[in-house]
Amino acid sequence: MENRRIATRKRVLKGAKAVYGGYSFVVDCTVRDVSETGVRLKMSASVTLPEGFLLYFPDTQTMRSVRVSWRKPGEVGVIYEGAPREIRDSSDPRERRLLSIAMV
């Protein structure tokens, strides 16, 4: 089997939230693999994420724009688009709400 990865991946187990629809939808995810270029997410098989969305990491209070690279039932691989952005001091009320949801 050919390995088409651009960067080496590292296995992890940490929470994240997929955010889309103008911050209207927030879906809990688990990050299972991480690399310099993207992550592999696990979530409920009933969830279908859009092609592009924001990925929020509560542990670091950072957000990244991502794009779907591949899909399987209950799993999706995403590629980072741009640098991470800290939102801990954001004045955007949608991001402030996200911070409060993540703390629950």
N, C-alpha and C. Protein backbone atom coordinates (compact mmCIF):
# COMPACT_ATOMS: atom_id res chain seq x y z
N MET A 1 0.84 -1.18 0.00
CA MET A 1 0.00 0.00 0.00
C MET A 1 0.88 1.25 0.00
N GLU A 2 0.58 2.18 -0.84
CA GLU A 2 1.35 3.40 -0.98
C GLU A 2 0.96 4.41 0.09
N ASN A 3 1.96 5.01 0.75
CA ASN A 3 1.71 6.04 1.75
C ASN A 3 1.78 7.40 1.05
N ARG A 4 0.65 8.09 0.99
CA ARG A 4 0.58 9.38 0.29
C ARG A 4 0.71 10.56 1.23
N ARG A 5 1.09 10.35 2.47
CA ARG A 5 1.17 11.42 3.45
C ARG A 5 2.31 12.37 3.14
N ILE A 6 2.05 13.64 3.36
CA ILE A 6 3.06 14.68 3.17
C ILE A 6 3.92 14.79 4.43
N ALA A 7 3.29 14.63 5.61
CA ALA A 7 3.99 14.79 6.88
C ALA A 7 3.75 13.57 7.77
N THR A 8 4.69 13.30 8.66
CA THR A 8 4.57 12.20 9.60
C THR A 8 3.44 12.48 10.58
N ARG A 9 2.65 11.45 10.89
CA ARG A 9 1.55 11.64 11.82
C ARG A 9 1.92 11.11 13.19
N LYS A 10 1.26 11.65 14.20
CA LYS A 10 1.47 11.24 15.58
C LYS A 10 0.11 10.89 16.17
N ARG A 11 0.01 9.74 16.82
CA ARG A 11 -1.25 9.34 17.44
C ARG A 11 -1.49 10.17 18.69
N VAL A 12 -2.72 10.66 18.82
CA VAL A 12 -3.12 11.44 19.99
C VAL A 12 -4.56 11.05 20.36
N LEU A 13 -5.00 11.53 21.48
CA LEU A 13 -6.38 11.35 21.90
C LEU A 13 -6.78 12.62 22.63
N LYS A 14 -7.39 13.57 21.89
CA LYS A 14 -7.78 14.82 22.52
C LYS A 14 -9.06 15.34 21.88
N GLY A 15 -9.78 16.12 22.65
CA GLY A 15 -11.05 16.66 22.19
C GLY A 15 -10.89 17.87 21.29
N ALA A 16 -11.86 18.03 20.40
CA ALA A 16 -11.92 19.19 19.51
C ALA A 16 -13.38 19.41 19.18
N LYS A 17 -13.66 20.55 18.56
CA LYS A 17 -15.03 20.86 18.14
C LYS A 17 -14.99 21.38 16.71
N ALA A 18 -15.83 20.79 15.87
CA ALA A 18 -16.01 21.26 14.50
C ALA A 18 -17.08 22.34 14.55
N VAL A 19 -16.78 23.50 13.99
CA VAL A 19 -17.67 24.66 14.04
C VAL A 19 -17.98 25.10 12.62
N TYR A 20 -19.27 25.22 12.30
CA TYR A 20 -19.65 25.63 10.94
C TYR A 20 -21.04 26.26 10.96
N GLY A 21 -21.46 26.73 9.79
CA GLY A 21 -22.76 27.39 9.69
C GLY A 21 -22.79 28.72 10.42
N GLY A 22 -21.71 29.50 10.29
CA GLY A 22 -21.66 30.79 10.97
C GLY A 22 -21.70 30.65 12.48
N TYR A 23 -21.02 29.62 12.98
CA TYR A 23 -20.95 29.30 14.41
C TYR A 23 -22.26 28.74 14.96
N SER A 24 -23.20 28.39 14.09
CA SER A 24 -24.48 27.85 14.54
C SER A 24 -24.38 26.38 14.94
N PHE A 25 -23.44 25.65 14.33
CA PHE A 25 -23.30 24.22 14.60
C PHE A 25 -21.95 23.94 15.23
N VAL A 26 -21.96 23.22 16.33
CA VAL A 26 -20.75 22.83 17.04
C VAL A 26 -20.84 21.33 17.30
N VAL A 27 -19.91 20.57 16.74
CA VAL A 27 -19.92 19.11 16.84
C VAL A 27 -18.68 18.65 17.59
N ASP A 28 -18.90 17.83 18.63
CA ASP A 28 -17.77 17.26 19.37
C ASP A 28 -17.06 16.23 18.51
N CYS A 29 -15.73 16.28 18.53
CA CYS A 29 -14.88 15.36 17.77
C CYS A 29 -13.74 14.90 18.68
N THR A 30 -13.12 13.82 18.27
CA THR A 30 -11.90 13.36 18.93
C THR A 30 -10.79 13.34 17.90
N VAL A 31 -9.68 14.00 18.22
CA VAL A 31 -8.51 13.99 17.34
C VAL A 31 -7.75 12.70 17.64
N ARG A 32 -7.52 11.89 16.59
CA ARG A 32 -6.84 10.61 16.76
C ARG A 32 -5.42 10.62 16.20
N ASP A 33 -5.18 11.38 15.16
CA ASP A 33 -3.85 11.52 14.58
C ASP A 33 -3.64 13.00 14.28
N VAL A 34 -2.41 13.46 14.44
CA VAL A 34 -2.09 14.84 14.13
C VAL A 34 -0.75 14.88 13.39
N SER A 35 -0.64 15.82 12.46
CA SER A 35 0.62 16.06 11.75
C SER A 35 0.73 17.57 11.53
N GLU A 36 1.79 17.97 10.89
CA GLU A 36 1.98 19.40 10.59
C GLU A 36 0.94 19.90 9.61
N THR A 37 0.36 18.99 8.82
CA THR A 37 -0.55 19.42 7.75
C THR A 37 -2.02 19.21 8.05
N GLY A 38 -2.36 18.41 9.08
CA GLY A 38 -3.77 18.17 9.36
C GLY A 38 -3.99 17.16 10.47
N VAL A 39 -5.25 16.71 10.61
CA VAL A 39 -5.62 15.77 11.66
C VAL A 39 -6.64 14.76 11.14
N ARG A 40 -6.74 13.65 11.87
CA ARG A 40 -7.81 12.67 11.64
C ARG A 40 -8.77 12.81 12.80
N LEU A 41 -10.05 13.01 12.48
CA LEU A 41 -11.09 13.21 13.49
C LEU A 41 -12.03 12.01 13.52
N LYS A 42 -12.49 11.67 14.71
CA LYS A 42 -13.55 10.68 14.88
C LYS A 42 -14.74 11.41 15.48
N MET A 43 -15.93 11.03 15.03
CA MET A 43 -17.16 11.60 15.57
C MET A 43 -18.29 10.63 15.32
N SER A 44 -19.47 10.97 15.74
CA SER A 44 -20.63 10.12 15.51
C SER A 44 -20.78 9.86 14.02
N ALA A 45 -21.09 8.61 13.67
CA ALA A 45 -21.25 8.25 12.25
C ALA A 45 -22.42 8.98 11.61
N SER A 46 -23.34 9.50 12.41
CA SER A 46 -24.51 10.20 11.86
C SER A 46 -24.19 11.64 11.47
N VAL A 47 -23.01 12.13 11.82
CA VAL A 47 -22.62 13.51 11.52
C VAL A 47 -21.94 13.57 10.15
N THR A 48 -22.37 14.52 9.32
CA THR A 48 -21.70 14.80 8.05
C THR A 48 -21.22 16.24 8.10
N LEU A 49 -19.92 16.40 8.18
CA LEU A 49 -19.35 17.74 8.24
C LEU A 49 -19.25 18.33 6.83
N PRO A 50 -19.32 19.66 6.71
CA PRO A 50 -19.17 20.29 5.39
C PRO A 50 -17.73 20.17 4.89
N GLU A 51 -17.49 20.52 3.65
CA GLU A 51 -16.15 20.42 3.05
C GLU A 51 -15.13 21.31 3.76
N GLY A 52 -15.57 22.45 4.24
CA GLY A 52 -14.69 23.36 4.96
C GLY A 52 -15.37 23.80 6.25
N PHE A 53 -14.59 23.89 7.33
CA PHE A 53 -15.14 24.32 8.62
C PHE A 53 -14.01 24.78 9.51
N LEU A 54 -14.37 25.28 10.69
CA LEU A 54 -13.39 25.67 11.69
C LEU A 54 -13.22 24.53 12.67
N LEU A 55 -12.00 24.31 13.12
CA LEU A 55 -11.73 23.28 14.12
C LEU A 55 -11.18 23.97 15.35
N TYR A 56 -11.91 23.81 16.47
CA TYR A 56 -11.54 24.46 17.72
C TYR A 56 -10.92 23.44 18.67
N PHE A 57 -9.78 23.80 19.23
CA PHE A 57 -9.07 22.96 20.19
C PHE A 57 -9.19 23.59 21.58
N PRO A 58 -10.09 23.08 22.43
CA PRO A 58 -10.30 23.67 23.75
C PRO A 58 -9.05 23.68 24.64
N ASP A 59 -8.19 22.68 24.51
CA ASP A 59 -7.02 22.61 25.40
C ASP A 59 -6.06 23.78 25.18
N THR A 60 -5.98 24.28 23.95
CA THR A 60 -5.09 25.41 23.66
C THR A 60 -5.86 26.69 23.35
N GLN A 61 -7.17 26.59 23.31
CA GLN A 61 -8.06 27.70 22.95
C GLN A 61 -7.65 28.33 21.63
N THR A 62 -7.36 27.45 20.66
CA THR A 62 -7.01 27.90 19.31
C THR A 62 -8.00 27.34 18.30
N MET A 63 -8.09 28.02 17.18
CA MET A 63 -8.99 27.62 16.12
C MET A 63 -8.22 27.62 14.80
N ARG A 64 -8.57 26.65 13.95
CA ARG A 64 -7.96 26.59 12.62
C ARG A 64 -9.03 26.35 11.59
N SER A 65 -8.85 26.94 10.44
CA SER A 65 -9.69 26.66 9.30
C SER A 65 -9.16 25.37 8.68
N VAL A 66 -10.09 24.45 8.33
CA VAL A 66 -9.69 23.16 7.76
C VAL A 66 -10.53 22.83 6.54
N ARG A 67 -10.03 21.90 5.74
CA ARG A 67 -10.73 21.41 4.55
C ARG A 67 -10.66 19.89 4.57
N VAL A 68 -11.78 19.25 4.24
CA VAL A 68 -11.85 17.78 4.24
C VAL A 68 -10.99 17.22 3.12
N SER A 69 -10.17 16.23 3.48
CA SER A 69 -9.32 15.54 2.51
C SER A 69 -9.92 14.18 2.15
N TRP A 70 -10.50 13.49 3.14
CA TRP A 70 -11.12 12.18 2.92
C TRP A 70 -12.18 11.94 3.98
N ARG A 71 -13.08 11.00 3.70
CA ARG A 71 -14.18 10.65 4.62
C ARG A 71 -14.37 9.15 4.70
N LYS A 72 -14.73 8.70 5.89
CA LYS A 72 -15.19 7.34 6.16
C LYS A 72 -16.31 7.49 7.18
N PRO A 73 -17.18 6.50 7.33
CA PRO A 73 -18.24 6.60 8.35
C PRO A 73 -17.63 6.83 9.75
N GLY A 74 -18.00 7.93 10.37
CA GLY A 74 -17.53 8.25 11.72
C GLY A 74 -16.13 8.81 11.78
N GLU A 75 -15.53 9.10 10.62
CA GLU A 75 -14.15 9.56 10.57
C GLU A 75 -13.96 10.52 9.41
N VAL A 76 -13.08 11.48 9.60
CA VAL A 76 -12.77 12.41 8.51
C VAL A 76 -11.32 12.88 8.69
N GLY A 77 -10.62 13.01 7.56
CA GLY A 77 -9.27 13.57 7.56
C GLY A 77 -9.36 14.99 7.04
N VAL A 78 -8.73 15.92 7.75
CA VAL A 78 -8.79 17.32 7.33
C VAL A 78 -7.38 17.90 7.19
N ILE A 79 -7.28 18.86 6.30
CA ILE A 79 -6.03 19.56 6.04
C ILE A 79 -6.16 20.98 6.58
N TYR A 80 -5.14 21.43 7.29
CA TYR A 80 -5.15 22.80 7.79
C TYR A 80 -5.09 23.80 6.64
N GLU A 81 -5.82 24.89 6.79
CA GLU A 81 -5.76 26.01 5.85
C GLU A 81 -5.43 27.26 6.66
N GLY A 82 -4.17 27.59 6.72
CA GLY A 82 -3.76 28.76 7.49
C GLY A 82 -3.27 28.39 8.88
N ALA A 83 -2.78 29.38 9.56
CA ALA A 83 -2.18 29.21 10.88
C ALA A 83 -3.24 29.15 11.98
N PRO A 84 -2.91 28.55 13.12
CA PRO A 84 -3.85 28.55 14.24
C PRO A 84 -4.04 29.97 14.77
N ARG A 85 -5.21 30.21 15.33
CA ARG A 85 -5.53 31.54 15.86
C ARG A 85 -6.05 31.37 17.28
N GLU A 86 -5.43 32.07 18.22
CA GLU A 86 -5.91 32.05 19.60
C GLU A 86 -7.21 32.82 19.71
N ILE A 87 -8.17 32.25 20.45
CA ILE A 87 -9.44 32.97 20.61
C ILE A 87 -9.74 33.28 22.07
N ARG A 88 -8.81 32.99 22.96
CA ARG A 88 -9.05 33.20 24.40
C ARG A 88 -9.40 34.64 24.73
N ASP A 89 -8.88 35.61 24.01
CA ASP A 89 -9.16 37.02 24.27
C ASP A 89 -10.01 37.65 23.16
N SER A 90 -10.71 36.83 22.41
CA SER A 90 -11.52 37.32 21.29
C SER A 90 -12.66 38.20 21.78
N SER A 91 -12.95 39.23 21.01
CA SER A 91 -14.10 40.09 21.32
C SER A 91 -15.34 39.66 20.53
N ASP A 92 -15.18 38.67 19.65
CA ASP A 92 -16.30 38.16 18.86
C ASP A 92 -17.23 37.37 19.78
N PRO A 93 -18.50 37.77 19.92
CA PRO A 93 -19.41 37.07 20.83
C PRO A 93 -19.62 35.60 20.48
N ARG A 94 -19.51 35.25 19.19
CA ARG A 94 -19.65 33.85 18.80
C ARG A 94 -18.49 33.02 19.34
N GLU A 95 -17.30 33.58 19.31
CA GLU A 95 -16.13 32.87 19.83
C GLU A 95 -16.15 32.85 21.36
N ARG A 96 -16.64 33.90 21.99
CA ARG A 96 -16.77 33.92 23.45
C ARG A 96 -17.74 32.82 23.89
N ARG A 97 -18.83 32.63 23.13
CA ARG A 97 -19.80 31.57 23.43
C ARG A 97 -19.13 30.20 23.29
N LEU A 98 -18.32 30.05 22.26
CA LEU A 98 -17.61 28.79 22.04
C LEU A 98 -16.69 28.49 23.22
N LEU A 99 -16.00 29.49 23.71
CA LEU A 99 -15.13 29.29 24.87
C LEU A 99 -15.92 28.80 26.08
N SER A 100 -17.11 29.36 26.28
CA SER A 100 -17.91 28.96 27.44
C SER A 100 -18.47 27.55 27.27
N ILE A 101 -18.82 27.15 26.05
CA ILE A 101 -19.31 25.80 25.78
C ILE A 101 -18.20 24.79 26.07
N ALA A 102 -16.99 25.13 25.66
CA ALA A 102 -15.87 24.20 25.81
C ALA A 102 -15.51 23.98 27.27
N MET A 103 -15.86 24.89 28.14
CA MET A 103 -15.50 24.77 29.53
C MET A 103 -16.46 23.88 30.31
N VAL A 104 -17.59 23.55 29.71
CA VAL A 104 -18.61 22.75 30.40
C VAL A 104 -18.18 21.31 30.49
